[in-house]
Amino acid sequence: MAIRNILHDDDPLLKKKSRPVTDYNDRLHTLLDDMRETLLTANGVGLAAPQVGVLRRVVLVVDTNKEDLSPEEQIIELINPEIIAASGEQVGAEGCLSIPGVYGIVKRPDLVKVRAFDRHGKPFEAWGTGLTARAFCHEIDHLNGILFTSLADEILTPEQLEEMYGDDEEDGAEE
């Protein structure tokens, strides 16, 4: 496994649409393993393949609702993910590993159901609420070349973020 460089928002690759995965092979497994190590090292809530320079429909999301598991066990690998159901609404601060230090107020569904494939091509569905639902949406947006800053109602100043969360920026975690 290797830690990959995370592209920043000025990289044009982040604005491109990713292609579906068609081969569930060792190359995909290496990408997933590298992304896992990169995400854990960056202490993020999600990571999409385009953020590490690969235009494939691959994302990792930390299931923050499973606090009893280790960070490694909380990670959900999603290949060719699609949102198949969403309900409710949450409005809150959102950040991104590709745009460090920037947070914006973004409206997202509070409950999201995704359909995807695992690393071996087996289909599955997963539900997420709260921050996990936000991360599903955020990371799938990356696969379509969309950054959260284009969806934000407002970009927060450091002072506004401090006012909202104090020293605890967990609720505005970077994805």
C-alpha atoms as a PDB file:
ATOM      1  CA  MET A   1       0.000   0.000   0.000  1.00  0.00           C
ATOM      2  CA  ALA A   2       1.065   3.556  -0.641  1.00  0.00           C
ATOM      3  CA  ILE A   3      -0.119   6.993   0.315  1.00  0.00           C
ATOM      4  CA  ARG A   4      -1.129   8.866  -2.816  1.00  0.00           C
ATOM      5  CA  ASN A   5      -0.981  12.610  -3.354  1.00  0.00           C
ATOM      6  CA  ILE A   6      -4.345  14.338  -3.002  1.00  0.00           C
ATOM      7  CA  LEU A   7      -5.001  16.792  -5.836  1.00  0.00           C
ATOM      8  CA  HIS A   8      -6.026  20.329  -4.953  1.00  0.00           C
ATOM      9  CA  ASP A   9      -8.969  22.251  -6.350  1.00  0.00           C
ATOM     10  CA  ASP A  10      -6.899  24.060  -8.982  1.00  0.00           C
ATOM     11  CA  ASP A  11      -6.232  20.729 -10.733  1.00  0.00           C
ATOM     12  CA  PRO A  12      -8.481  20.437 -13.834  1.00  0.00           C
ATOM     13  CA  LEU A  13      -8.792  16.655 -13.323  1.00  0.00           C
ATOM     14  CA  LEU A  14     -11.149  17.307 -10.383  1.00  0.00           C
ATOM     15  CA  LYS A  15     -13.695  18.882 -12.735  1.00  0.00           C
ATOM     16  CA  LYS A  16     -13.862  15.885 -15.093  1.00  0.00           C
ATOM     17  CA  LYS A  17     -16.409  13.075 -15.039  1.00  0.00           C
ATOM     18  CA  SER A  18     -15.079   9.664 -14.028  1.00  0.00           C
ATOM     19  CA  ARG A  19     -15.507   6.497 -16.088  1.00  0.00           C
ATOM     20  CA  PRO A  20     -17.160   3.343 -14.712  1.00  0.00           C
ATOM     21  CA  VAL A  21     -15.012   0.499 -13.447  1.00  0.00           C
ATOM     22  CA  THR A  22     -15.322  -2.563 -15.688  1.00  0.00           C
ATOM     23  CA  ASP A  23     -12.425  -4.734 -14.481  1.00  0.00           C
ATOM     24  CA  TYR A  24     -12.338  -5.917 -10.880  1.00  0.00           C
ATOM     25  CA  ASN A  25      -8.678  -6.844 -10.924  1.00  0.00           C
ATOM     26  CA  ASP A  26      -5.433  -6.408  -8.977  1.00  0.00           C
ATOM     27  CA  ARG A  27      -5.020  -2.888 -10.313  1.00  0.00           C
ATOM     28  CA  LEU A  28      -8.386  -1.893  -8.785  1.00  0.00           C
ATOM     29  CA  HIS A  29      -7.451  -3.607  -5.514  1.00  0.00           C
ATOM     30  CA  THR A  30      -4.181  -1.660  -5.381  1.00  0.00           C
ATOM     31  CA  LEU A  31      -6.064   1.590  -5.981  1.00  0.00           C
ATOM     32  CA  LEU A  32      -8.532   0.754  -3.185  1.00  0.00           C
ATOM     33  CA  ASP A  33      -5.752  -0.203  -0.774  1.00  0.00           C
ATOM     34  CA  ASP A  34      -3.796   2.972  -1.570  1.00  0.00           C
ATOM     35  CA  MET A  35      -6.912   5.126  -1.210  1.00  0.00           C
ATOM     36  CA  ARG A  36      -7.664   3.487   2.149  1.00  0.00           C
ATOM     37  CA  GLU A  37      -4.175   4.288   3.453  1.00  0.00           C
ATOM     38  CA  THR A  38      -4.379   7.816   2.038  1.00  0.00           C
ATOM     39  CA  LEU A  39      -7.793   8.442   3.641  1.00  0.00           C
ATOM     40  CA  LEU A  40      -6.709   7.130   7.040  1.00  0.00           C
ATOM     41  CA  THR A  41      -3.511   9.200   6.945  1.00  0.00           C
ATOM     42  CA  ALA A  42      -5.422  12.347   5.930  1.00  0.00           C
ATOM     43  CA  ASN A  43      -8.019  11.730   8.665  1.00  0.00           C
ATOM     44  CA  GLY A  44     -10.874  12.405   6.241  1.00  0.00           C
ATOM     45  CA  VAL A  45     -14.426  11.107   6.024  1.00  0.00           C
ATOM     46  CA  GLY A  46     -14.299  10.205   2.347  1.00  0.00           C
ATOM     47  CA  LEU A  47     -12.045  10.053  -0.690  1.00  0.00           C
ATOM     48  CA  ALA A  48     -12.837   9.719  -4.394  1.00  0.00           C
ATOM     49  CA  ALA A  49     -10.469   8.293  -6.998  1.00  0.00           C
ATOM     50  CA  PRO A  50     -10.315  11.591  -8.953  1.00  0.00           C
ATOM     51  CA  GLN A  51      -8.820  13.203  -5.829  1.00  0.00           C
ATOM     52  CA  VAL A  52      -5.799  10.927  -6.247  1.00  0.00           C
ATOM     53  CA  GLY A  53      -5.629  11.440 -10.023  1.00  0.00           C
ATOM     54  CA  VAL A  54      -7.654   8.423 -11.209  1.00  0.00           C
ATOM     55  CA  LEU A  55     -10.784   9.112 -13.270  1.00  0.00           C
ATOM     56  CA  ARG A  56     -12.669   5.981 -12.237  1.00  0.00           C
ATOM     57  CA  ARG A  57     -15.942   5.682 -10.300  1.00  0.00           C
ATOM     58  CA  VAL A  58     -14.398   4.586  -7.009  1.00  0.00           C
ATOM     59  CA  VAL A  59     -14.970   6.130  -3.571  1.00  0.00           C
ATOM     60  CA  LEU A  60     -14.295   5.337   0.051  1.00  0.00           C
ATOM     61  CA  VAL A  61     -16.591   6.617   2.794  1.00  0.00           C
ATOM     62  CA  VAL A  62     -16.173   6.319   6.546  1.00  0.00           C
ATOM     63  CA  ASP A  63     -19.397   5.119   8.168  1.00  0.00           C
ATOM     64  CA  THR A  64     -19.372   7.514  11.116  1.00  0.00           C
ATOM     65  CA  ASN A  65     -22.488   5.833  12.521  1.00  0.00           C
ATOM     66  CA  LYS A  66     -20.414   2.765  13.453  1.00  0.00           C
ATOM     67  CA  GLU A  67     -18.372   4.333  16.248  1.00  0.00           C
ATOM     68  CA  ASP A  68     -17.832   0.918  17.903  1.00  0.00           C
ATOM     69  CA  LEU A  69     -15.583  -0.137  14.994  1.00  0.00           C
ATOM     70  CA  SER A  70     -11.987   0.888  14.337  1.00  0.00           C
ATOM     71  CA  PRO A  71     -11.429   3.585  11.690  1.00  0.00           C
ATOM     72  CA  GLU A  72     -10.160   0.881   9.325  1.00  0.00           C
ATOM     73  CA  GLU A  73     -13.356  -1.170   9.796  1.00  0.00           C
ATOM     74  CA  GLN A  74     -15.603   1.873   9.284  1.00  0.00           C
ATOM     75  CA  ILE A  75     -14.477   2.381   5.684  1.00  0.00           C
ATOM     76  CA  ILE A  76     -16.952   1.390   2.971  1.00  0.00           C
ATOM     77  CA  GLU A  77     -15.523   0.779  -0.518  1.00  0.00           C
ATOM     78  CA  LEU A  78     -17.948   1.764  -3.269  1.00  0.00           C
ATOM     79  CA  ILE A  79     -17.318   0.924  -6.917  1.00  0.00           C
ATOM     80  CA  ASN A  80     -19.630   2.553  -9.499  1.00  0.00           C
ATOM     81  CA  PRO A  81     -21.843   3.973  -6.726  1.00  0.00           C
ATOM     82  CA  GLU A  82     -25.214   5.549  -7.353  1.00  0.00           C
ATOM     83  CA  ILE A  83     -27.681   7.153  -4.989  1.00  0.00           C
ATOM     84  CA  ILE A  84     -30.951   5.238  -5.209  1.00  0.00           C
ATOM     85  CA  ALA A  85     -32.866   6.911  -2.365  1.00  0.00           C
ATOM     86  CA  ALA A  86     -32.563  10.062  -0.295  1.00  0.00           C
ATOM     87  CA  SER A  87     -34.755  11.774   2.271  1.00  0.00           C
ATOM     88  CA  GLY A  88     -34.693  14.476   4.888  1.00  0.00           C
ATOM     89  CA  GLU A  89     -32.432  17.470   4.895  1.00  0.00           C
ATOM     90  CA  GLN A  90     -29.338  18.633   6.716  1.00  0.00           C
ATOM     91  CA  VAL A  91     -27.598  21.959   6.333  1.00  0.00           C
ATOM     92  CA  GLY A  92     -24.094  22.300   7.666  1.00  0.00           C
ATOM     93  CA  ALA A  93     -20.429  23.002   7.168  1.00  0.00           C
ATOM     94  CA  GLU A  94     -18.668  20.830   4.634  1.00  0.00           C
ATOM     95  CA  GLY A  95     -15.009  20.617   3.737  1.00  0.00           C
ATOM     96  CA  CYS A  96     -12.831  18.631   1.359  1.00  0.00           C
ATOM     97  CA  LEU A  97      -9.375  17.084   1.437  1.00  0.00           C
ATOM     98  CA  SER A  98      -8.792  18.681  -1.988  1.00  0.00           C
ATOM     99  CA  ILE A  99      -9.631  22.151  -0.641  1.00  0.00           C
ATOM    100  CA  PRO A 100      -7.871  22.208   2.739  1.00  0.00           C
ATOM    101  CA  GLY A 101      -9.004  24.784   5.260  1.00  0.00           C
ATOM    102  CA  VAL A 102     -12.086  25.860   3.273  1.00  0.00           C
ATOM    103  CA  TYR A 103     -15.586  25.109   4.529  1.00  0.00           C
ATOM    104  CA  GLY A 104     -18.971  26.025   3.145  1.00  0.00           C
ATOM    105  CA  ILE A 105     -22.604  25.667   4.126  1.00  0.00           C
ATOM    106  CA  VAL A 106     -24.107  22.908   1.964  1.00  0.00           C
ATOM    107  CA  LYS A 107     -27.599  21.406   1.983  1.00  0.00           C
ATOM    108  CA  ARG A 108     -27.644  17.609   1.680  1.00  0.00           C
ATOM    109  CA  PRO A 109     -30.138  14.804   2.353  1.00  0.00           C
ATOM    110  CA  ASP A 110     -30.019  13.445   5.901  1.00  0.00           C
ATOM    111  CA  LEU A 111     -30.590   9.821   4.832  1.00  0.00           C
ATOM    112  CA  VAL A 112     -29.027   8.334   1.704  1.00  0.00           C
ATOM    113  CA  LYS A 113     -29.140   4.838   0.227  1.00  0.00           C
ATOM    114  CA  VAL A 114     -26.479   3.894  -2.315  1.00  0.00           C
ATOM    115  CA  ARG A 115     -26.081   0.933  -4.624  1.00  0.00           C
ATOM    116  CA  ALA A 116     -22.538  -0.064  -5.551  1.00  0.00           C
ATOM    117  CA  PHE A 117     -20.178  -2.962  -6.137  1.00  0.00           C
ATOM    118  CA  ASP A 118     -17.464  -4.246  -3.828  1.00  0.00           C
ATOM    119  CA  ARG A 119     -13.856  -4.831  -4.906  1.00  0.00           C
ATOM    120  CA  HIS A 120     -14.815  -8.239  -6.350  1.00  0.00           C
ATOM    121  CA  GLY A 121     -17.769  -6.984  -8.432  1.00  0.00           C
ATOM    122  CA  LYS A 122     -20.474  -8.127  -6.032  1.00  0.00           C
ATOM    123  CA  PRO A 123     -23.422  -5.671  -5.831  1.00  0.00           C
ATOM    124  CA  PHE A 124     -24.572  -4.332  -2.460  1.00  0.00           C
ATOM    125  CA  GLU A 125     -26.551  -1.483  -0.934  1.00  0.00           C
ATOM    126  CA  ALA A 126     -25.636   0.736   2.011  1.00  0.00           C
ATOM    127  CA  TRP A 127     -27.494   3.340   4.054  1.00  0.00           C
ATOM    128  CA  GLY A 128     -25.985   6.417   5.618  1.00  0.00           C
ATOM    129  CA  THR A 129     -27.354   9.115   7.893  1.00  0.00           C
ATOM    130  CA  GLY A 130     -25.919  12.423   9.025  1.00  0.00           C
ATOM    131  CA  LEU A 131     -22.243  12.827   8.178  1.00  0.00           C
ATOM    132  CA  THR A 132     -22.133   9.486   6.351  1.00  0.00           C
ATOM    133  CA  ALA A 133     -25.036  10.562   4.102  1.00  0.00           C
ATOM    134  CA  ARG A 134     -23.226  13.855   3.465  1.00  0.00           C
ATOM    135  CA  ALA A 135     -20.045  11.953   2.572  1.00  0.00           C
ATOM    136  CA  PHE A 136     -21.875   9.641   0.143  1.00  0.00           C
ATOM    137  CA  CYS A 137     -23.237  12.686  -1.706  1.00  0.00           C
ATOM    138  CA  HIS A 138     -19.952  14.609  -1.559  1.00  0.00           C
ATOM    139  CA  GLU A 139     -17.833  11.739  -2.897  1.00  0.00           C
ATOM    140  CA  ILE A 140     -20.291  10.799  -5.656  1.00  0.00           C
ATOM    141  CA  ASP A 141     -20.275  14.479  -6.670  1.00  0.00           C
ATOM    142  CA  HIS A 142     -16.481  14.164  -7.108  1.00  0.00           C
ATOM    143  CA  LEU A 143     -17.082  11.362  -9.618  1.00  0.00           C
ATOM    144  CA  ASN A 144     -19.155  13.804 -11.659  1.00  0.00           C
ATOM    145  CA  GLY A 145     -16.579  16.598 -11.496  1.00  0.00           C
ATOM    146  CA  ILE A 146     -18.519  18.607  -8.892  1.00  0.00           C
ATOM    147  CA  LEU A 147     -16.783  20.278  -5.940  1.00  0.00           C
ATOM    148  CA  PHE A 148     -18.724  21.243  -2.823  1.00  0.00           C
ATOM    149  CA  THR A 149     -17.755  24.893  -3.285  1.00  0.00           C
ATOM    150  CA  SER A 150     -20.051  25.088  -6.331  1.00  0.00           C
ATOM    151  CA  LEU A 151     -22.969  23.877  -4.167  1.00  0.00           C
ATOM    152  CA  ALA A 152     -22.254  25.945  -1.066  1.00  0.00           C
ATOM    153  CA  ASP A 153     -24.732  28.646  -0.092  1.00  0.00           C
ATOM    154  CA  GLU A 154     -21.882  30.399   1.696  1.00  0.00           C
ATOM    155  CA  ILE A 155     -18.138  29.892   2.138  1.00  0.00           C
ATOM    156  CA  LEU A 156     -17.268  30.295   5.797  1.00  0.00           C
ATOM    157  CA  THR A 157     -14.518  32.523   7.107  1.00  0.00           C
ATOM    158  CA  PRO A 158     -12.229  30.982   9.727  1.00  0.00           C
ATOM    159  CA  GLU A 159     -13.970  33.172  12.301  1.00  0.00           C
ATOM    160  CA  GLN A 160     -17.427  31.873  11.326  1.00  0.00           C
ATOM    161  CA  LEU A 161     -16.183  28.290  11.510  1.00  0.00           C
ATOM    162  CA  GLU A 162     -14.686  28.933  14.947  1.00  0.00           C
ATOM    163  CA  GLU A 163     -17.985  30.469  16.050  1.00  0.00           C
ATOM    164  CA  MET A 164     -19.936  27.419  14.823  1.00  0.00           C
ATOM    165  CA  TYR A 165     -17.696  24.676  16.160  1.00  0.00           C
ATOM    166  CA  GLY A 166     -15.060  26.177  18.427  1.00  0.00           C
ATOM    167  CA  ASP A 167     -11.964  24.012  18.349  1.00  0.00           C
ATOM    168  CA  ASP A 168     -13.977  20.906  17.443  1.00  0.00           C
ATOM    169  CA  GLU A 169     -14.307  20.820  13.650  1.00  0.00           C
ATOM    170  CA  GLU A 170     -15.587  17.214  13.632  1.00  0.00           C
ATOM    171  CA  ASP A 171     -19.051  18.189  12.390  1.00  0.00           C
ATOM    172  CA  GLY A 172     -17.423  20.046   9.497  1.00  0.00           C
ATOM    173  CA  ALA A 173     -15.118  17.164   8.693  1.00  0.00           C
ATOM    174  CA  GLU A 174     -13.199  17.132   5.457  1.00  0.00           C
ATOM    175  CA  GLU A 175     -14.373  14.577   2.911  1.00  0.00           C
END
